[in-house]
Amino acid sequence: MENILLYIVIGAIVLAVVLGWNKPNKKAIPKPTAKPTTTTLDNVAPSKASLQKLTKKEIDNAAAAQGVKLDARETKAKMIDEFLKQSK
């Protein structure tokens, strides 16, 4: 009885090795990442309407490109007002 269990276990291991572990290794091909489409406002006086179309992160990036430091914890409206005030 013990020999039968031993043969079953050994057979299962051999079957797992042959069927599961004998597959060729496929190298992971990195998926291409989508480049974010951002509107750049470099060296251009931004309008309030153009800033309202952007996300807070994009507003912060546009401000940083013009040398303006914004507090990202503020609301979007306050960030826009501060950006316009500092960029003049």
C-alpha atoms as a PDB file:
ATOM      1  CA  MET A   1       0.000   0.000   0.000  1.00  0.00           C
ATOM      2  CA  GLU A   2       2.829   2.373   0.835  1.00  0.00           C
ATOM      3  CA  ASN A   3       4.550   1.556  -2.456  1.00  0.00           C
ATOM      4  CA  ILE A   4       1.423   2.463  -4.445  1.00  0.00           C
ATOM      5  CA  LEU A   5       1.240   5.897  -2.801  1.00  0.00           C
ATOM      6  CA  LEU A   6       4.938   6.396  -3.451  1.00  0.00           C
ATOM      7  CA  TYR A   7       4.496   5.515  -7.140  1.00  0.00           C
ATOM      8  CA  ILE A   8       1.529   7.870  -7.442  1.00  0.00           C
ATOM      9  CA  VAL A   9       3.513  10.745  -5.909  1.00  0.00           C
ATOM     10  CA  ILE A  10       6.540  10.052  -8.112  1.00  0.00           C
ATOM     11  CA  GLY A  11       4.308   9.763 -11.173  1.00  0.00           C
ATOM     12  CA  ALA A  12       2.654  13.085 -10.385  1.00  0.00           C
ATOM     13  CA  ILE A  13       6.030  14.766 -10.010  1.00  0.00           C
ATOM     14  CA  VAL A  14       7.298  13.313 -13.290  1.00  0.00           C
ATOM     15  CA  LEU A  15       4.077  14.364 -15.046  1.00  0.00           C
ATOM     16  CA  ALA A  16       4.374  17.910 -13.654  1.00  0.00           C
ATOM     17  CA  VAL A  17       7.978  18.156 -14.808  1.00  0.00           C
ATOM     18  CA  VAL A  18       7.221  16.879 -18.298  1.00  0.00           C
ATOM     19  CA  LEU A  19       4.062  18.886 -18.903  1.00  0.00           C
ATOM     20  CA  GLY A  20       4.453  22.013 -16.831  1.00  0.00           C
ATOM     21  CA  TRP A  21       8.082  22.802 -16.369  1.00  0.00           C
ATOM     22  CA  ASN A  22       9.301  21.774 -19.793  1.00  0.00           C
ATOM     23  CA  LYS A  23       7.850  24.837 -21.514  1.00  0.00           C
ATOM     24  CA  PRO A  24      10.346  27.167 -23.156  1.00  0.00           C
ATOM     25  CA  ASN A  25      11.032  30.306 -21.220  1.00  0.00           C
ATOM     26  CA  LYS A  26       9.388  33.297 -22.818  1.00  0.00           C
ATOM     27  CA  LYS A  27      11.166  36.501 -22.085  1.00  0.00           C
ATOM     28  CA  ALA A  28       8.846  39.181 -20.866  1.00  0.00           C
ATOM     29  CA  ILE A  29       8.361  41.760 -23.560  1.00  0.00           C
ATOM     30  CA  PRO A  30       7.566  45.101 -21.971  1.00  0.00           C
ATOM     31  CA  LYS A  31       4.316  46.590 -23.134  1.00  0.00           C
ATOM     32  CA  PRO A  32       4.676  49.944 -24.778  1.00  0.00           C
ATOM     33  CA  THR A  33       3.454  52.661 -22.494  1.00  0.00           C
ATOM     34  CA  ALA A  34       1.235  55.354 -23.839  1.00  0.00           C
ATOM     35  CA  LYS A  35       2.888  58.713 -23.712  1.00  0.00           C
ATOM     36  CA  PRO A  36       0.715  61.199 -21.907  1.00  0.00           C
ATOM     37  CA  THR A  37      -0.697  63.852 -24.121  1.00  0.00           C
ATOM     38  CA  THR A  38      -0.075  67.098 -22.372  1.00  0.00           C
ATOM     39  CA  THR A  39      -0.628  70.578 -23.529  1.00  0.00           C
ATOM     40  CA  THR A  40       2.518  72.543 -23.051  1.00  0.00           C
ATOM     41  CA  LEU A  41       2.323  76.198 -22.240  1.00  0.00           C
ATOM     42  CA  ASP A  42       6.040  76.904 -22.307  1.00  0.00           C
ATOM     43  CA  ASN A  43       6.895  80.563 -22.773  1.00  0.00           C
ATOM     44  CA  VAL A  44       3.273  81.402 -23.571  1.00  0.00           C
ATOM     45  CA  ALA A  45       1.056  83.535 -21.395  1.00  0.00           C
ATOM     46  CA  PRO A  46      -1.624  81.032 -20.377  1.00  0.00           C
ATOM     47  CA  SER A  47      -5.258  81.973 -20.419  1.00  0.00           C
ATOM     48  CA  LYS A  48      -7.655  80.971 -17.694  1.00  0.00           C
ATOM     49  CA  ALA A  49      -9.709  78.975 -20.212  1.00  0.00           C
ATOM     50  CA  SER A  50      -6.680  77.015 -21.421  1.00  0.00           C
ATOM     51  CA  LEU A  51      -5.629  76.254 -17.844  1.00  0.00           C
ATOM     52  CA  GLN A  52      -9.098  75.019 -16.911  1.00  0.00           C
ATOM     53  CA  LYS A  53      -8.818  72.322 -19.580  1.00  0.00           C
ATOM     54  CA  LEU A  54      -5.717  70.904 -17.892  1.00  0.00           C
ATOM     55  CA  THR A  55      -5.444  68.614 -14.901  1.00  0.00           C
ATOM     56  CA  LYS A  56      -3.896  69.844 -11.667  1.00  0.00           C
ATOM     57  CA  LYS A  57      -0.716  67.912 -12.469  1.00  0.00           C
ATOM     58  CA  GLU A  58      -0.504  69.461 -15.932  1.00  0.00           C
ATOM     59  CA  ILE A  59      -1.052  72.933 -14.448  1.00  0.00           C
ATOM     60  CA  ASP A  60       1.724  72.289 -11.944  1.00  0.00           C
ATOM     61  CA  ASN A  61       4.054  71.076 -14.729  1.00  0.00           C
ATOM     62  CA  ALA A  62       3.261  74.091 -16.923  1.00  0.00           C
ATOM     63  CA  ALA A  63       3.875  76.428 -13.989  1.00  0.00           C
ATOM     64  CA  ALA A  64       7.166  74.731 -13.168  1.00  0.00           C
ATOM     65  CA  ALA A  65       8.253  75.102 -16.802  1.00  0.00           C
ATOM     66  CA  GLN A  66       7.775  78.866 -16.427  1.00  0.00           C
ATOM     67  CA  GLY A  67       9.494  78.964 -13.054  1.00  0.00           C
ATOM     68  CA  VAL A  68       6.314  79.334 -11.010  1.00  0.00           C
ATOM     69  CA  LYS A  69       5.981  77.257  -7.847  1.00  0.00           C
ATOM     70  CA  LEU A  70       2.429  76.133  -7.014  1.00  0.00           C
ATOM     71  CA  ASP A  71       1.020  74.259  -4.041  1.00  0.00           C
ATOM     72  CA  ALA A  72      -0.544  71.071  -5.448  1.00  0.00           C
ATOM     73  CA  ARG A  73      -2.638  70.670  -2.289  1.00  0.00           C
ATOM     74  CA  GLU A  74      -4.757  73.677  -3.289  1.00  0.00           C
ATOM     75  CA  THR A  75      -7.864  73.421  -5.423  1.00  0.00           C
ATOM     76  CA  LYS A  76      -7.559  73.623  -9.174  1.00  0.00           C
ATOM     77  CA  ALA A  77      -9.181  77.079  -9.224  1.00  0.00           C
ATOM     78  CA  LYS A  78      -6.746  78.420  -6.617  1.00  0.00           C
ATOM     79  CA  MET A  79      -3.816  76.913  -8.503  1.00  0.00           C
ATOM     80  CA  ILE A  80      -4.967  78.626 -11.707  1.00  0.00           C
ATOM     81  CA  ASP A  81      -5.425  81.980  -9.958  1.00  0.00           C
ATOM     82  CA  GLU A  82      -1.990  81.733  -8.334  1.00  0.00           C
ATOM     83  CA  PHE A  83      -0.373  80.706 -11.618  1.00  0.00           C
ATOM     84  CA  LEU A  84      -1.909  83.644 -13.459  1.00  0.00           C
ATOM     85  CA  LYS A  85      -0.922  86.026 -10.672  1.00  0.00           C
ATOM     86  CA  GLN A  86       2.701  84.855 -10.558  1.00  0.00           C
ATOM     87  CA  SER A  87       3.153  84.588 -14.329  1.00  0.00           C
ATOM     88  CA  LYS A  88       2.349  88.259 -14.974  1.00  0.00           C
END
